[in-house]
Amino acid sequence: MHSLPLFIRLTGRPVILLGDGYMADAKARLLVRAGADIVGEDAQAAIAVVAIMEAPEAEAAVARLKARGILVNAVDRPDLSDFTFPAIVDRDPVLIAIGTGGASAGLAAALRQRLEAVLPAGLGRVASALYAARAYFRQHFPALDDRRRAIADLLAAGGALDPMVEQADPHAAIAGARAAEDRIERLTIGSADPDDLTLRAARLLGLTDRIYHTPDMPAAILDRARGDAVRIVGAAPASPEPGLTLELIWKS
């Protein structure tokens, strides 16, 4: 990854903003939406935004700020920036950020527009309902793995709480959550390109608790699995282990 995506809480925190004109105005609106306290260059702050159009003046401001140990975003100058602003899809409290590392703001904007069109307007209600139901899940699924699997089943494609479908009553769907069954699924992989994965294969990789795979399984395929799924070289056992076990067989 060229950058580490982070979500920073800025409510009540100072952020230096230098510059004027439409670029500075756009960044000011975004910072105010995030609750930041916009301050001048001499103030104490951890991050700064330089929205100065003249290159020499912008470069000098960036140098001064970086010399103070401040993380800087230089608008439209990714080579000078410590961080960049992503295109944002806002379904409060769900935020989706799309970044290209400064390579193309137009591409990020185009992707945001596509996501705006397909994500339900009420997606934030699902997140809020899940947050409110934390005690319910702890009571009904005391084991952490059981709780995670029950929530994953709710949120899976076609599940009772499928996030890609408008949910009239998320709380009712949560009340119907059930413990997931222990099972083994087996997949034959015939392409090293993860874009060739079937929808079913991609879904199972995203949900699995552990993967048994042949030694020659392409890393690009394994990278599509859950980050905390256990990877094991070899054949899956005959009896299911707790949760979802996935056996991948490479057949080029």
C-alpha atoms as a PDB file:
ATOM      1  CA  MET A   1       0.000   0.000   0.000  1.00  0.00           C
ATOM      2  CA  HIS A   2       1.253   3.482  -0.816  1.00  0.00           C
ATOM      3  CA  SER A   3      -0.508   4.869   2.300  1.00  0.00           C
ATOM      4  CA  LEU A   4      -2.185   3.685   5.483  1.00  0.00           C
ATOM      5  CA  PRO A   5      -5.860   4.740   5.501  1.00  0.00           C
ATOM      6  CA  LEU A   6      -6.895   6.269   8.826  1.00  0.00           C
ATOM      7  CA  PHE A   7     -10.012   7.932  10.204  1.00  0.00           C
ATOM      8  CA  ILE A   8      -9.028  10.804  12.501  1.00  0.00           C
ATOM      9  CA  ARG A   9     -11.420  12.391  14.993  1.00  0.00           C
ATOM     10  CA  LEU A  10     -11.023  16.150  14.621  1.00  0.00           C
ATOM     11  CA  THR A  11     -13.875  17.436  16.787  1.00  0.00           C
ATOM     12  CA  GLY A  12     -12.546  20.415  18.739  1.00  0.00           C
ATOM     13  CA  ARG A  13      -8.977  19.872  17.519  1.00  0.00           C
ATOM     14  CA  PRO A  14      -6.974  22.623  15.783  1.00  0.00           C
ATOM     15  CA  VAL A  15      -6.069  22.227  12.118  1.00  0.00           C
ATOM     16  CA  ILE A  16      -3.922  24.804  10.345  1.00  0.00           C
ATOM     17  CA  LEU A  17      -5.340  25.979   7.014  1.00  0.00           C
ATOM     18  CA  LEU A  18      -3.292  28.274   4.773  1.00  0.00           C
ATOM     19  CA  GLY A  19      -4.446  29.852   1.521  1.00  0.00           C
ATOM     20  CA  ASP A  20      -7.539  31.402   0.033  1.00  0.00           C
ATOM     21  CA  GLY A  21      -9.769  30.938  -2.972  1.00  0.00           C
ATOM     22  CA  TYR A  22     -11.949  27.992  -3.939  1.00  0.00           C
ATOM     23  CA  MET A  23      -9.428  25.308  -2.937  1.00  0.00           C
ATOM     24  CA  ALA A  24      -9.083  26.659   0.594  1.00  0.00           C
ATOM     25  CA  ASP A  25     -12.848  27.162   0.836  1.00  0.00           C
ATOM     26  CA  ALA A  26     -13.507  23.529  -0.128  1.00  0.00           C
ATOM     27  CA  LYS A  27     -11.065  22.224   2.472  1.00  0.00           C
ATOM     28  CA  ALA A  28     -12.496  24.584   5.102  1.00  0.00           C
ATOM     29  CA  ARG A  29     -15.999  23.216   4.511  1.00  0.00           C
ATOM     30  CA  LEU A  30     -14.735  19.648   4.854  1.00  0.00           C
ATOM     31  CA  LEU A  31     -12.805  20.388   8.046  1.00  0.00           C
ATOM     32  CA  VAL A  32     -15.795  22.167   9.590  1.00  0.00           C
ATOM     33  CA  ARG A  33     -18.006  19.154   8.777  1.00  0.00           C
ATOM     34  CA  ALA A  34     -15.485  17.013  10.671  1.00  0.00           C
ATOM     35  CA  GLY A  35     -15.658  19.356  13.679  1.00  0.00           C
ATOM     36  CA  ALA A  36     -12.152  20.800  13.369  1.00  0.00           C
ATOM     37  CA  ASP A  37     -11.121  24.167  14.773  1.00  0.00           C
ATOM     38  CA  ILE A  38      -9.432  25.990  11.875  1.00  0.00           C
ATOM     39  CA  VAL A  39      -6.419  28.031  12.991  1.00  0.00           C
ATOM     40  CA  GLY A  40      -3.540  30.004  11.496  1.00  0.00           C
ATOM     41  CA  GLU A  41       0.054  28.998  10.899  1.00  0.00           C
ATOM     42  CA  ASP A  42       1.385  30.129  14.284  1.00  0.00           C
ATOM     43  CA  ALA A  43      -1.041  27.953  16.262  1.00  0.00           C
ATOM     44  CA  GLN A  44      -0.164  24.596  17.759  1.00  0.00           C
ATOM     45  CA  ALA A  45      -1.613  21.752  15.677  1.00  0.00           C
ATOM     46  CA  ALA A  46      -0.811  18.215  14.604  1.00  0.00           C
ATOM     47  CA  ILE A  47      -1.938  18.554  10.988  1.00  0.00           C
ATOM     48  CA  ALA A  48      -2.113  21.319   8.415  1.00  0.00           C
ATOM     49  CA  VAL A  49      -3.572  21.967   4.983  1.00  0.00           C
ATOM     50  CA  VAL A  50      -1.772  24.222   2.515  1.00  0.00           C
ATOM     51  CA  ALA A  51      -4.155  25.452  -0.184  1.00  0.00           C
ATOM     52  CA  ILE A  52      -1.864  28.045  -1.756  1.00  0.00           C
ATOM     53  CA  MET A  53      -1.929  28.194  -5.551  1.00  0.00           C
ATOM     54  CA  GLU A  54       1.511  29.796  -6.155  1.00  0.00           C
ATOM     55  CA  ALA A  55       4.117  27.018  -6.131  1.00  0.00           C
ATOM     56  CA  PRO A  56       7.042  28.844  -4.443  1.00  0.00           C
ATOM     57  CA  GLU A  57       4.821  30.165  -1.656  1.00  0.00           C
ATOM     58  CA  ALA A  58       3.177  26.765  -1.157  1.00  0.00           C
ATOM     59  CA  GLU A  59       6.522  24.947  -1.044  1.00  0.00           C
ATOM     60  CA  ALA A  60       7.894  27.413   1.511  1.00  0.00           C
ATOM     61  CA  ALA A  61       4.816  27.017   3.730  1.00  0.00           C
ATOM     62  CA  VAL A  62       5.038  23.232   3.563  1.00  0.00           C
ATOM     63  CA  ALA A  63       8.717  23.345   4.532  1.00  0.00           C
ATOM     64  CA  ARG A  64       8.016  25.579   7.535  1.00  0.00           C
ATOM     65  CA  LEU A  65       5.210  23.350   8.783  1.00  0.00           C
ATOM     66  CA  LYS A  66       7.107  20.101   8.305  1.00  0.00           C
ATOM     67  CA  ALA A  67      10.069  21.572  10.187  1.00  0.00           C
ATOM     68  CA  ARG A  68       7.721  21.798  13.192  1.00  0.00           C
ATOM     69  CA  GLY A  69       6.811  18.119  12.903  1.00  0.00           C
ATOM     70  CA  ILE A  70       3.330  18.828  11.520  1.00  0.00           C
ATOM     71  CA  LEU A  71       1.742  16.453   9.023  1.00  0.00           C
ATOM     72  CA  VAL A  72       0.865  18.441   5.904  1.00  0.00           C
ATOM     73  CA  ASN A  73      -1.538  18.131   3.010  1.00  0.00           C
ATOM     74  CA  ALA A  74      -0.572  20.367   0.105  1.00  0.00           C
ATOM     75  CA  VAL A  75      -3.644  20.699  -2.099  1.00  0.00           C
ATOM     76  CA  ASP A  76      -3.022  19.436  -5.652  1.00  0.00           C
ATOM     77  CA  ARG A  77       0.620  18.694  -4.769  1.00  0.00           C
ATOM     78  CA  PRO A  78       0.766  15.010  -3.723  1.00  0.00           C
ATOM     79  CA  ASP A  79       4.577  14.927  -3.852  1.00  0.00           C
ATOM     80  CA  LEU A  80       4.691  17.501  -1.026  1.00  0.00           C
ATOM     81  CA  SER A  81       1.920  15.890   1.040  1.00  0.00           C
ATOM     82  CA  ASP A  82       2.200  13.619   4.055  1.00  0.00           C
ATOM     83  CA  PHE A  83      -1.461  12.693   3.635  1.00  0.00           C
ATOM     84  CA  THR A  84      -4.184  13.148   1.041  1.00  0.00           C
ATOM     85  CA  PHE A  85      -7.915  13.744   1.296  1.00  0.00           C
ATOM     86  CA  PRO A  86     -10.051  10.921  -0.093  1.00  0.00           C
ATOM     87  CA  ALA A  87     -13.331  11.114  -1.941  1.00  0.00           C
ATOM     88  CA  ILE A  88     -15.981  10.411   0.709  1.00  0.00           C
ATOM     89  CA  VAL A  89     -19.271   8.533   0.694  1.00  0.00           C
ATOM     90  CA  ASP A  90     -21.142   9.619   3.826  1.00  0.00           C
ATOM     91  CA  ARG A  91     -23.784   7.319   5.299  1.00  0.00           C
ATOM     92  CA  ASP A  92     -23.300   8.500   8.869  1.00  0.00           C
ATOM     93  CA  PRO A  93     -21.975   6.753  10.889  1.00  0.00           C
ATOM     94  CA  VAL A  94     -20.650   4.769   7.913  1.00  0.00           C
ATOM     95  CA  LEU A  95     -17.885   6.570   6.024  1.00  0.00           C
ATOM     96  CA  ILE A  96     -16.281   5.174   2.887  1.00  0.00           C
ATOM     97  CA  ALA A  97     -13.060   6.841   1.782  1.00  0.00           C
ATOM     98  CA  ILE A  98     -11.585   6.389  -1.696  1.00  0.00           C
ATOM     99  CA  GLY A  99      -7.993   7.435  -2.250  1.00  0.00           C
ATOM    100  CA  THR A 100      -5.543   7.189  -5.119  1.00  0.00           C
ATOM    101  CA  GLY A 101      -2.516   8.618  -3.338  1.00  0.00           C
ATOM    102  CA  GLY A 102      -2.916  11.782  -5.376  1.00  0.00           C
ATOM    103  CA  ALA A 103      -2.685   9.912  -8.690  1.00  0.00           C
ATOM    104  CA  SER A 104      -6.141  10.969  -9.872  1.00  0.00           C
ATOM    105  CA  ALA A 105      -8.754  12.882  -7.929  1.00  0.00           C
ATOM    106  CA  GLY A 106     -11.060  12.413 -10.921  1.00  0.00           C
ATOM    107  CA  LEU A 107     -10.901   8.641 -10.613  1.00  0.00           C
ATOM    108  CA  ALA A 108     -11.658   8.803  -6.886  1.00  0.00           C
ATOM    109  CA  ALA A 109     -14.620  11.093  -7.599  1.00  0.00           C
ATOM    110  CA  ALA A 110     -15.956   8.750 -10.291  1.00  0.00           C
ATOM    111  CA  LEU A 111     -15.774   5.781  -7.919  1.00  0.00           C
ATOM    112  CA  ARG A 112     -17.528   7.795  -5.221  1.00  0.00           C
ATOM    113  CA  GLN A 113     -20.371   8.599  -7.610  1.00  0.00           C
ATOM    114  CA  ARG A 114     -20.775   4.908  -8.467  1.00  0.00           C
ATOM    115  CA  LEU A 115     -20.874   3.936  -4.803  1.00  0.00           C
ATOM    116  CA  GLU A 116     -23.351   6.716  -4.018  1.00  0.00           C
ATOM    117  CA  ALA A 117     -25.683   5.175  -6.579  1.00  0.00           C
ATOM    118  CA  VAL A 118     -25.564   1.617  -5.211  1.00  0.00           C
ATOM    119  CA  LEU A 119     -25.311   2.064  -1.434  1.00  0.00           C
ATOM    120  CA  PRO A 120     -28.688   2.335   0.317  1.00  0.00           C
ATOM    121  CA  ALA A 121     -29.484   5.739   1.757  1.00  0.00           C
ATOM    122  CA  GLY A 122     -30.343   4.099   5.090  1.00  0.00           C
ATOM    123  CA  LEU A 123     -27.064   2.208   5.450  1.00  0.00           C
ATOM    124  CA  GLY A 124     -26.200   4.278   8.505  1.00  0.00           C
ATOM    125  CA  ARG A 125     -29.270   2.888  10.303  1.00  0.00           C
ATOM    126  CA  VAL A 126     -27.800  -0.606  10.004  1.00  0.00           C
ATOM    127  CA  ALA A 127     -24.560   0.513  11.654  1.00  0.00           C
ATOM    128  CA  SER A 128     -26.447   2.318  14.419  1.00  0.00           C
ATOM    129  CA  ALA A 129     -28.657  -0.715  15.048  1.00  0.00           C
ATOM    130  CA  LEU A 130     -25.632  -3.013  15.305  1.00  0.00           C
ATOM    131  CA  TYR A 131     -24.006  -0.604  17.753  1.00  0.00           C
ATOM    132  CA  ALA A 132     -27.165  -0.505  19.877  1.00  0.00           C
ATOM    133  CA  ALA A 133     -27.343  -4.317  19.831  1.00  0.00           C
ATOM    134  CA  ARG A 134     -23.877  -4.971  21.295  1.00  0.00           C
ATOM    135  CA  ALA A 135     -25.294  -6.104  24.647  1.00  0.00           C
ATOM    136  CA  TYR A 136     -27.823  -8.332  22.860  1.00  0.00           C
ATOM    137  CA  PHE A 137     -25.090 -10.068  20.885  1.00  0.00           C
ATOM    138  CA  ARG A 138     -22.891 -10.538  23.965  1.00  0.00           C
ATOM    139  CA  GLN A 139     -25.810 -12.104  25.822  1.00  0.00           C
ATOM    140  CA  HIS A 140     -26.924 -14.444  23.034  1.00  0.00           C
ATOM    141  CA  PHE A 141     -23.453 -15.280  21.686  1.00  0.00           C
ATOM    142  CA  PRO A 142     -21.020 -15.160  24.642  1.00  0.00           C
ATOM    143  CA  ALA A 143     -18.092 -16.571  22.632  1.00  0.00           C
ATOM    144  CA  LEU A 144     -16.417 -13.925  20.486  1.00  0.00           C
ATOM    145  CA  ASP A 145     -16.075 -16.198  17.437  1.00  0.00           C
ATOM    146  CA  ASP A 146     -19.755 -17.210  17.621  1.00  0.00           C
ATOM    147  CA  ARG A 147     -20.722 -13.556  17.860  1.00  0.00           C
ATOM    148  CA  ARG A 148     -18.589 -12.591  14.868  1.00  0.00           C
ATOM    149  CA  ARG A 149     -19.968 -15.439  12.753  1.00  0.00           C
ATOM    150  CA  ALA A 150     -23.589 -14.618  13.640  1.00  0.00           C
ATOM    151  CA  ILE A 151     -23.078 -10.998  12.605  1.00  0.00           C
ATOM    152  CA  ALA A 152     -21.261 -12.055   9.429  1.00  0.00           C
ATOM    153  CA  ASP A 153     -24.185 -14.270   8.433  1.00  0.00           C
ATOM    154  CA  LEU A 154     -26.612 -11.407   8.989  1.00  0.00           C
ATOM    155  CA  LEU A 155     -24.539  -9.085   6.798  1.00  0.00           C
ATOM    156  CA  ALA A 156     -23.699 -11.589   4.059  1.00  0.00           C
ATOM    157  CA  ALA A 157     -25.093 -11.178   0.554  1.00  0.00           C
ATOM    158  CA  GLY A 158     -28.729 -12.246   0.770  1.00  0.00           C
ATOM    159  CA  GLY A 159     -28.605 -12.222   4.568  1.00  0.00           C
ATOM    160  CA  ALA A 160     -31.289 -10.718   6.750  1.00  0.00           C
ATOM    161  CA  LEU A 161     -29.199  -7.567   7.194  1.00  0.00           C
ATOM    162  CA  ASP A 162     -27.549  -7.412   3.755  1.00  0.00           C
ATOM    163  CA  PRO A 163     -26.001  -3.897   3.749  1.00  0.00           C
ATOM    164  CA  MET A 164     -26.569  -3.530   0.010  1.00  0.00           C
ATOM    165  CA  VAL A 165     -30.336  -3.738   0.497  1.00  0.00           C
ATOM    166  CA  GLU A 166     -32.437  -0.987   2.078  1.00  0.00           C
ATOM    167  CA  GLN A 167     -33.423  -2.182   5.565  1.00  0.00           C
ATOM    168  CA  ALA A 168     -36.815  -1.037   6.835  1.00  0.00           C
ATOM    169  CA  ASP A 169     -36.250  -2.448  10.336  1.00  0.00           C
ATOM    170  CA  PRO A 170     -32.645  -3.475  11.120  1.00  0.00           C
ATOM    171  CA  HIS A 171     -33.557  -4.238  14.741  1.00  0.00           C
ATOM    172  CA  ALA A 172     -36.009  -6.957  13.667  1.00  0.00           C
ATOM    173  CA  ALA A 173     -33.341  -8.610  11.531  1.00  0.00           C
ATOM    174  CA  ILE A 174     -30.875  -8.538  14.444  1.00  0.00           C
ATOM    175  CA  ALA A 175     -33.427 -10.178  16.742  1.00  0.00           C
ATOM    176  CA  GLY A 176     -33.518 -13.128  14.347  1.00  0.00           C
ATOM    177  CA  ALA A 177     -29.767 -13.766  14.431  1.00  0.00           C
ATOM    178  CA  ARG A 178     -28.790 -17.404  14.801  1.00  0.00           C
ATOM    179  CA  ALA A 179     -25.538 -19.187  15.567  1.00  0.00           C
ATOM    180  CA  ALA A 180     -23.700 -20.187  12.382  1.00  0.00           C
ATOM    181  CA  GLU A 181     -23.136 -23.880  11.747  1.00  0.00           C
ATOM    182  CA  ASP A 182     -19.623 -25.332  11.669  1.00  0.00           C
ATOM    183  CA  ARG A 183     -18.883 -26.394   8.104  1.00  0.00           C
ATOM    184  CA  ILE A 184     -16.226 -27.104   5.479  1.00  0.00           C
ATOM    185  CA  GLU A 185     -16.401 -25.661   1.979  1.00  0.00           C
ATOM    186  CA  ARG A 186     -14.086 -26.787  -0.835  1.00  0.00           C
ATOM    187  CA  LEU A 187     -13.140 -24.671  -3.839  1.00  0.00           C
ATOM    188  CA  THR A 188     -11.037 -25.412  -6.895  1.00  0.00           C
ATOM    189  CA  ILE A 189      -9.096 -22.346  -8.022  1.00  0.00           C
ATOM    190  CA  GLY A 190      -8.059 -22.281 -11.674  1.00  0.00           C
ATOM    191  CA  SER A 191      -6.753 -18.730 -12.106  1.00  0.00           C
ATOM    192  CA  ALA A 192      -4.171 -16.677 -10.251  1.00  0.00           C
ATOM    193  CA  ASP A 193      -6.173 -13.537 -11.033  1.00  0.00           C
ATOM    194  CA  PRO A 194      -8.493 -12.720  -8.091  1.00  0.00           C
ATOM    195  CA  ASP A 195     -10.819 -10.926 -10.515  1.00  0.00           C
ATOM    196  CA  ASP A 196     -11.681 -14.362 -11.924  1.00  0.00           C
ATOM    197  CA  LEU A 197     -13.093 -15.558  -8.592  1.00  0.00           C
ATOM    198  CA  THR A 198     -16.774 -16.390  -8.644  1.00  0.00           C
ATOM    199  CA  LEU A 199     -19.078 -14.385  -6.400  1.00  0.00           C
ATOM    200  CA  ARG A 200     -19.465 -17.449  -4.179  1.00  0.00           C
ATOM    201  CA  ALA A 201     -15.706 -17.943  -3.883  1.00  0.00           C
ATOM    202  CA  ALA A 202     -15.121 -14.269  -3.080  1.00  0.00           C
ATOM    203  CA  ARG A 203     -17.855 -14.375  -0.429  1.00  0.00           C
ATOM    204  CA  LEU A 204     -16.466 -17.508   1.224  1.00  0.00           C
ATOM    205  CA  LEU A 205     -12.951 -16.043   1.287  1.00  0.00           C
ATOM    206  CA  GLY A 206     -14.303 -12.964   2.997  1.00  0.00           C
ATOM    207  CA  LEU A 207     -16.111 -15.001   5.670  1.00  0.00           C
ATOM    208  CA  THR A 208     -13.800 -17.942   6.360  1.00  0.00           C
ATOM    209  CA  ASP A 209     -12.178 -18.564   9.733  1.00  0.00           C
ATOM    210  CA  ARG A 210      -9.367 -20.698   8.327  1.00  0.00           C
ATOM    211  CA  ILE A 211      -8.016 -21.763   4.957  1.00  0.00           C
ATOM    212  CA  TYR A 212      -6.367 -25.055   4.087  1.00  0.00           C
ATOM    213  CA  HIS A 213      -4.599 -24.747   0.762  1.00  0.00           C
ATOM    214  CA  THR A 214      -2.102 -26.414  -1.542  1.00  0.00           C
ATOM    215  CA  PRO A 215       1.489 -25.086  -1.413  1.00  0.00           C
ATOM    216  CA  ASP A 216       1.208 -23.591  -4.890  1.00  0.00           C
ATOM    217  CA  MET A 217      -1.881 -21.491  -4.162  1.00  0.00           C
ATOM    218  CA  PRO A 218      -1.238 -17.978  -5.575  1.00  0.00           C
ATOM    219  CA  ALA A 219      -0.716 -15.310  -2.919  1.00  0.00           C
ATOM    220  CA  ALA A 220      -3.105 -12.984  -4.755  1.00  0.00           C
ATOM    221  CA  ILE A 221      -5.942 -15.429  -4.068  1.00  0.00           C
ATOM    222  CA  LEU A 222      -5.052 -15.827  -0.383  1.00  0.00           C
ATOM    223  CA  ASP A 223      -4.886 -12.043  -0.036  1.00  0.00           C
ATOM    224  CA  ARG A 224      -8.619 -11.880  -0.783  1.00  0.00           C
ATOM    225  CA  ALA A 225      -9.406 -13.809   2.410  1.00  0.00           C
ATOM    226  CA  ARG A 226     -10.226 -12.282   5.769  1.00  0.00           C
ATOM    227  CA  GLY A 227      -7.118 -10.712   7.207  1.00  0.00           C
ATOM    228  CA  ASP A 228      -7.295 -12.722  10.443  1.00  0.00           C
ATOM    229  CA  ALA A 229      -8.214 -16.050   8.835  1.00  0.00           C
ATOM    230  CA  VAL A 230      -5.694 -18.783   9.686  1.00  0.00           C
ATOM    231  CA  ARG A 231      -3.728 -20.057   6.661  1.00  0.00           C
ATOM    232  CA  ILE A 232      -2.657 -23.730   6.740  1.00  0.00           C
ATOM    233  CA  VAL A 233      -0.795 -25.603   4.012  1.00  0.00           C
ATOM    234  CA  GLY A 234      -2.372 -29.031   3.603  1.00  0.00           C
ATOM    235  CA  ALA A 235      -5.702 -30.794   3.342  1.00  0.00           C
ATOM    236  CA  ALA A 236      -8.664 -29.906   5.519  1.00  0.00           C
ATOM    237  CA  PRO A 237      -9.682 -32.413   8.226  1.00  0.00           C
ATOM    238  CA  ALA A 238     -12.652 -34.695   7.667  1.00  0.00           C
ATOM    239  CA  SER A 239     -14.686 -33.169  10.490  1.00  0.00           C
ATOM    240  CA  PRO A 240     -15.572 -29.465  10.599  1.00  0.00           C
ATOM    241  CA  GLU A 241     -13.677 -27.237  12.999  1.00  0.00           C
ATOM    242  CA  PRO A 242     -15.457 -24.319  14.696  1.00  0.00           C
ATOM    243  CA  GLY A 243     -16.844 -21.842  12.186  1.00  0.00           C
ATOM    244  CA  LEU A 244     -16.212 -21.846   8.453  1.00  0.00           C
ATOM    245  CA  THR A 245     -13.283 -23.847   7.104  1.00  0.00           C
ATOM    246  CA  LEU A 246     -12.303 -23.333   3.479  1.00  0.00           C
ATOM    247  CA  GLU A 247     -10.202 -25.805   1.495  1.00  0.00           C
ATOM    248  CA  LEU A 248      -8.615 -24.344  -1.635  1.00  0.00           C
ATOM    249  CA  ILE A 249      -7.241 -26.618  -4.338  1.00  0.00           C
ATOM    250  CA  TRP A 250      -5.055 -25.092  -7.030  1.00  0.00           C
ATOM    251  CA  LYS A 251      -5.689 -26.448 -10.529  1.00  0.00           C
ATOM    252  CA  SER A 252      -4.019 -24.345 -13.216  1.00  0.00           C
END
